[in-house]
N, C-alpha and C. Protein backbone atom coordinates (compact mmCIF):
# COMPACT_ATOMS: atom_id res chain seq x y z
N MET A 1 0.95 -1.10 0.31
CA MET A 1 0.18 -0.38 0.02
C MET A 1 0.92 1.51 -0.22
N ASN A 2 2.45 0.75 -0.01
CA ASN A 2 3.59 2.88 0.38
C ASN A 2 3.38 2.48 -1.10
N HIS A 3 3.15 1.66 -2.01
CA HIS A 3 3.36 2.31 -3.49
C HIS A 3 1.93 3.33 -4.13
N ILE A 4 0.90 4.08 -3.22
CA ILE A 4 -0.33 3.87 -4.63
C ILE A 4 0.18 5.58 -4.85
N ASP A 5 0.16 5.49 -6.21
CA ASP A 5 -0.11 6.88 -6.41
C ASP A 5 -0.96 7.93 -5.83
N LEU A 6 -0.24 8.97 -5.15
CA LEU A 6 -1.55 9.84 -4.24
C LEU A 6 -2.49 10.99 -5.51
N ASN A 7 -2.17 10.87 -6.40
CA ASN A 7 -3.31 11.42 -7.43
C ASN A 7 -3.85 10.50 -7.65
N SER A 8 -4.05 8.49 -7.58
CA SER A 8 -5.03 8.23 -8.07
C SER A 8 -6.61 8.36 -7.00
N GLU A 9 -7.11 7.58 -8.09
CA GLU A 9 -8.63 7.91 -7.03
C GLU A 9 -9.03 6.97 -5.34
N LEU A 10 -8.03 5.51 -5.50
CA LEU A 10 -8.34 5.17 -4.40
C LEU A 10 -7.08 5.81 -3.33
N ALA A 11 -6.49 6.28 -3.93
CA ALA A 11 -5.23 7.33 -2.43
C ALA A 11 -6.42 8.66 -1.69
N ASN A 12 -7.33 8.93 -2.84
CA ASN A 12 -8.60 10.00 -2.48
C ASN A 12 -9.74 9.10 -1.55
N GLU A 13 -9.46 8.23 -1.89
CA GLU A 13 -10.74 7.59 -1.01
C GLU A 13 -10.05 7.52 0.39
N LEU A 14 -9.15 6.28 0.20
CA LEU A 14 -8.26 6.08 1.59
C LEU A 14 -8.20 7.32 2.64
N ASP A 15 -7.31 8.42 1.63
CA ASP A 15 -7.01 9.49 2.91
C ASP A 15 -7.48 11.13 1.76
N PRO A 16 -8.65 11.19 1.61
CA PRO A 16 -8.77 12.50 0.86
C PRO A 16 -7.95 13.82 1.62
N GLU A 17 -7.40 13.55 2.79
CA GLU A 17 -6.67 15.05 3.00
C GLU A 17 -4.86 15.42 2.23
N LEU A 18 -4.54 14.30 2.41
CA LEU A 18 -3.55 13.48 2.09
C LEU A 18 -3.15 13.48 0.57
N ALA A 19 -4.47 13.21 -0.42
CA ALA A 19 -4.17 13.73 -1.34
C ALA A 19 -4.31 15.11 -1.76
N LYS A 20 -5.01 15.77 -1.23
CA LYS A 20 -4.85 17.15 -2.01
C LYS A 20 -3.87 17.83 -1.40
N TRP A 21 -3.34 17.18 -0.98
CA TRP A 21 -2.53 18.29 -0.70
C TRP A 21 -1.04 17.54 -1.59
N ALA A 22 -0.91 16.32 -2.03
CA ALA A 22 0.11 15.65 -2.94
C ALA A 22 -0.79 15.93 -4.60
N GLY A 23 -1.93 16.66 -4.17
CA GLY A 23 -1.93 16.41 -6.01
C GLY A 23 -0.87 17.49 -6.60
N THR A 24 -0.50 17.31 -8.34
CA THR A 24 0.08 18.42 -8.86
C THR A 24 -0.31 19.80 -9.21
N VAL A 25 -1.36 19.95 -8.96
CA VAL A 25 -2.23 20.78 -9.29
C VAL A 25 -2.81 21.86 -8.46
N LYS A 26 -2.59 21.46 -7.06
CA LYS A 26 -2.01 22.58 -6.05
C LYS A 26 -0.33 23.22 -6.07
N THR A 27 0.28 21.65 -5.94
CA THR A 27 1.45 22.11 -5.98
C THR A 27 2.14 23.21 -7.32
N ASN A 28 1.64 22.88 -8.37
CA ASN A 28 2.06 24.08 -9.33
C ASN A 28 1.57 25.29 -9.32
N ALA A 29 0.13 25.62 -9.09
CA ALA A 29 -0.35 26.82 -8.22
C ALA A 29 0.46 27.58 -7.66
N LEU A 30 1.01 26.54 -6.51
CA LEU A 30 1.51 27.66 -4.99
C LEU A 30 3.94 27.79 -5.59
N LEU A 31 3.70 26.99 -6.89
CA LEU A 31 5.13 27.67 -7.42
C LEU A 31 5.07 28.62 -8.31
N ALA A 32 4.11 29.51 -8.41
CA ALA A 32 3.33 29.73 -9.82
C ALA A 32 3.14 31.52 -8.95
N ASP A 33 2.82 31.65 -7.59
CA ASP A 33 2.56 32.29 -7.02
C ASP A 33 3.65 32.54 -6.13
N ILE A 34 4.70 31.73 -6.24
CA ILE A 34 5.98 32.08 -5.43
C ILE A 34 7.03 32.62 -6.14
N TYR A 35 6.88 32.19 -7.64
CA TYR A 35 7.52 32.86 -8.71
C TYR A 35 7.02 34.71 -8.58
N ASP A 36 5.74 34.65 -8.69
CA ASP A 36 5.19 36.33 -8.89
C ASP A 36 5.25 36.99 -7.64
N VAL A 37 5.61 36.14 -6.70
CA VAL A 37 6.61 36.63 -5.16
C VAL A 37 7.84 37.54 -5.37
N LEU A 38 8.05 36.45 -5.75
CA LEU A 38 10.02 36.59 -6.46
C LEU A 38 10.59 37.58 -6.87
N ALA A 39 9.51 37.55 -7.61
CA ALA A 39 9.48 38.26 -9.06
C ALA A 39 9.17 39.70 -8.84
N MET A 40 8.03 39.84 -8.30
CA MET A 40 7.84 41.48 -7.55
C MET A 40 8.72 42.25 -6.75
N ILE A 41 9.92 41.37 -5.87
CA ILE A 41 10.24 40.96 -4.81
C ILE A 41 11.78 41.63 -5.60
N ASN A 42 11.93 41.41 -6.90
CA ASN A 42 13.85 41.08 -7.61
C ASN A 42 13.45 42.73 -7.60
N ALA A 43 12.34 43.06 -8.30
CA ALA A 43 12.17 44.50 -9.13
C ALA A 43 11.73 45.51 -8.39
N ASN A 44 11.31 45.39 -7.35
CA ASN A 44 11.18 46.02 -5.86
C ASN A 44 13.12 46.46 -5.59
N ILE A 45 13.89 45.62 -5.37
CA ILE A 45 14.77 45.70 -4.73
C ILE A 45 15.65 45.89 -6.26
N CYS A 46 15.52 45.78 -7.34
CA CYS A 46 16.27 46.96 -8.50
C CYS A 46 15.79 48.64 -8.30
N ALA A 47 14.98 48.15 -8.21
CA ALA A 47 14.33 50.11 -8.10
C ALA A 47 14.54 50.63 -7.25
N LEU A 48 14.98 49.86 -5.78
CA LEU A 48 15.61 50.55 -5.21
C LEU A 48 16.61 51.06 -5.28
N GLY A 49 17.90 50.43 -5.95
CA GLY A 49 19.30 50.53 -6.26
C GLY A 49 18.98 51.66 -7.52
N SER A 50 17.76 51.93 -8.03
CA SER A 50 17.83 53.10 -8.83
C SER A 50 17.61 53.59 -8.66
N GLY A 51 16.83 54.17 -7.83
CA GLY A 51 15.89 54.97 -7.28
C GLY A 51 14.52 55.66 -8.08
N GLY A 52 14.06 54.42 -8.76
CA GLY A 52 13.15 54.85 -9.68
C GLY A 52 12.06 53.94 -8.91
N HIS A 53 10.62 53.81 -9.65
CA HIS A 53 9.52 53.32 -9.26
C HIS A 53 9.52 51.10 -9.48
N ALA A 54 9.33 51.05 -9.13
CA ALA A 54 8.99 49.73 -9.73
C ALA A 54 8.25 48.60 -10.70
N LYS A 55 8.44 48.37 -11.57
CA LYS A 55 7.31 48.11 -12.43
C LYS A 55 7.25 47.18 -12.03
N LYS A 56 5.12 46.61 -12.73
CA LYS A 56 5.47 45.40 -11.74
C LYS A 56 6.19 44.94 -13.60
N PRO A 57 6.44 43.53 -12.53
CA PRO A 57 6.55 42.04 -13.49
C PRO A 57 5.54 41.47 -13.85
N LYS A 58 5.40 40.69 -15.24
CA LYS A 58 4.88 39.68 -15.89
C LYS A 58 4.21 38.31 -14.90
N SER A 59 3.08 38.12 -14.52
CA SER A 59 2.97 37.00 -13.91
C SER A 59 2.93 35.79 -14.55
N TYR A 60 3.88 35.17 -13.97
CA TYR A 60 4.02 33.08 -14.63
C TYR A 60 2.43 33.37 -14.64
N PRO A 61 2.66 32.31 -15.76
CA PRO A 61 1.58 32.05 -17.04
C PRO A 61 0.50 31.05 -16.51
N ARG A 62 -0.68 31.27 -16.49
CA ARG A 62 -1.47 30.08 -15.98
C ARG A 62 -2.28 29.63 -16.49
N PRO A 63 -3.19 28.24 -17.12
CA PRO A 63 -4.34 28.10 -17.40
C PRO A 63 -5.35 29.30 -17.28
N ASN A 64 -5.92 28.92 -18.50
CA ASN A 64 -6.95 29.93 -18.71
C ASN A 64 -7.01 30.98 -18.21
N ASP A 65 -5.70 32.38 -18.40
CA ASP A 65 -4.95 33.26 -18.30
C ASP A 65 -5.91 34.28 -18.89
N ASN A 66 -6.30 33.18 -20.74
CA ASN A 66 -7.10 33.83 -21.43
C ASN A 66 -8.03 34.21 -21.95
N LYS A 67 -8.63 33.25 -20.81
CA LYS A 67 -10.30 33.53 -21.07
C LYS A 67 -11.04 34.53 -19.57
N LYS A 68 -11.39 35.24 -20.01
CA LYS A 68 -12.07 36.13 -18.90
C LYS A 68 -13.57 35.58 -18.59
N GLN A 69 -13.66 35.70 -17.32
CA GLN A 69 -14.25 35.45 -16.22
C GLN A 69 -15.54 36.46 -15.19
N SER A 70 -16.49 36.38 -15.43
CA SER A 70 -17.24 37.31 -15.63
C SER A 70 -18.37 37.17 -14.13
N ILE A 71 -18.32 37.64 -12.94
CA ILE A 71 -18.84 37.46 -11.37
C ILE A 71 -19.77 38.08 -11.69
N GLY A 72 -21.06 37.51 -11.57
CA GLY A 72 -22.43 38.36 -11.41
C GLY A 72 -23.04 38.52 -12.62
N LYS A 73 -22.85 37.30 -13.86
CA LYS A 73 -23.63 37.61 -14.40
C LYS A 73 -24.90 36.38 -14.73
N ASN A 74 -25.65 37.36 -14.90
CA ASN A 74 -26.91 36.30 -14.88
C ASN A 74 -27.24 36.29 -13.21
N ALA A 75 -26.98 36.17 -12.00
CA ALA A 75 -27.45 36.60 -11.22
C ALA A 75 -28.10 36.68 -10.43
N LEU A 76 -28.55 36.16 -9.27
CA LEU A 76 -29.92 36.13 -8.27
C LEU A 76 -29.69 37.67 -7.59
N PRO A 77 -31.48 38.67 -7.64
CA PRO A 77 -31.29 39.26 -7.11
C PRO A 77 -31.03 39.28 -5.44
N ALA A 78 -30.53 39.91 -4.17
CA ALA A 78 -30.55 39.40 -3.68
C ALA A 78 -32.44 39.27 -2.78
N ASP A 79 -33.27 39.75 -2.94
CA ASP A 79 -33.90 38.67 -2.51
C ASP A 79 -34.77 37.67 -2.94
N GLN A 80 -34.44 37.20 -4.06
CA GLN A 80 -35.17 36.08 -4.99
C GLN A 80 -33.50 35.30 -4.08
N LEU A 81 -32.47 35.29 -4.05
CA LEU A 81 -31.07 34.89 -3.49
C LEU A 81 -31.64 34.28 -1.92
N ARG A 82 -32.50 35.58 -1.08
CA ARG A 82 -32.25 34.77 0.43
C ARG A 82 -33.98 33.94 0.31
N GLU A 83 -34.78 33.73 -0.68
CA GLU A 83 -35.91 32.83 -1.08
C GLU A 83 -35.28 31.79 -1.28
N TRP A 84 -33.92 31.82 -1.97
CA TRP A 84 -33.81 30.24 -2.98
C TRP A 84 -33.15 29.48 -1.31
N PHE A 85 -31.83 30.75 -1.00
CA PHE A 85 -31.61 29.49 0.89
C PHE A 85 -32.90 29.66 1.35
N ALA A 86 -33.80 30.41 1.82
CA ALA A 86 -34.91 29.77 2.79
C ALA A 86 -35.64 28.27 2.61
N LYS A 87 -35.68 28.25 1.14
CA LYS A 87 -36.36 27.01 0.34
C LYS A 87 -35.02 25.89 0.71
N LYS A 88 -33.99 26.02 0.81
CA LYS A 88 -33.23 24.86 0.83
C LYS A 88 -33.32 25.02 2.46
N ARG A 89 -32.78 25.59 3.39
CA ARG A 89 -33.53 25.13 4.38
C ARG A 89 -34.41 24.44 5.06
N GLU A 90 -35.72 24.59 4.31
CA GLU A 90 -37.06 24.24 4.50
C GLU A 90 -36.54 23.28 4.72
N GLN A 91 -35.88 22.77 2.94
CA GLN A 91 -35.95 21.18 2.28
C GLN A 91 -35.27 20.25 3.98
N ARG A 92 -34.17 20.94 4.35
CA ARG A 92 -33.14 20.12 4.88
C ARG A 92 -33.59 20.00 6.08
N LYS A 93 -35.28 20.56 6.60
CA LYS A 93 -35.43 20.90 7.83
C LYS A 93 -36.44 18.86 7.75
N LYS A 94 -37.06 19.01 5.96
CA LYS A 94 -37.94 17.90 6.34
C LYS A 94 -37.04 16.43 6.28
C-alpha cells in the first residue's frame, strides 16, 4: 500500500486530505504564486537601487489566463437569493 499513486482515486478514497496536498495541480499553483512574489521582490530591489519606481513584472502564465471570467452575470437579485436559501433550509429540516 505504500506505492499507491497519491493522485489516484484509491488514494483519494483512503486519505482525501493527503490526496489534496499531494496533487500536482496545487503544487503548480503554489509554485506559480511563489514565482510571482519573488519577481515582485526582485523588481522592488532593482527599483530601490536605481532610485525609481518598480515596474510590475509579468505574472507566471497560468491555464485559463486568456479566458475572461465574469462574476455576477445572470446572478439572482438579493431578495430572490434569500428566498432560495430559505427554501433550501426548509428542505433540510424535513
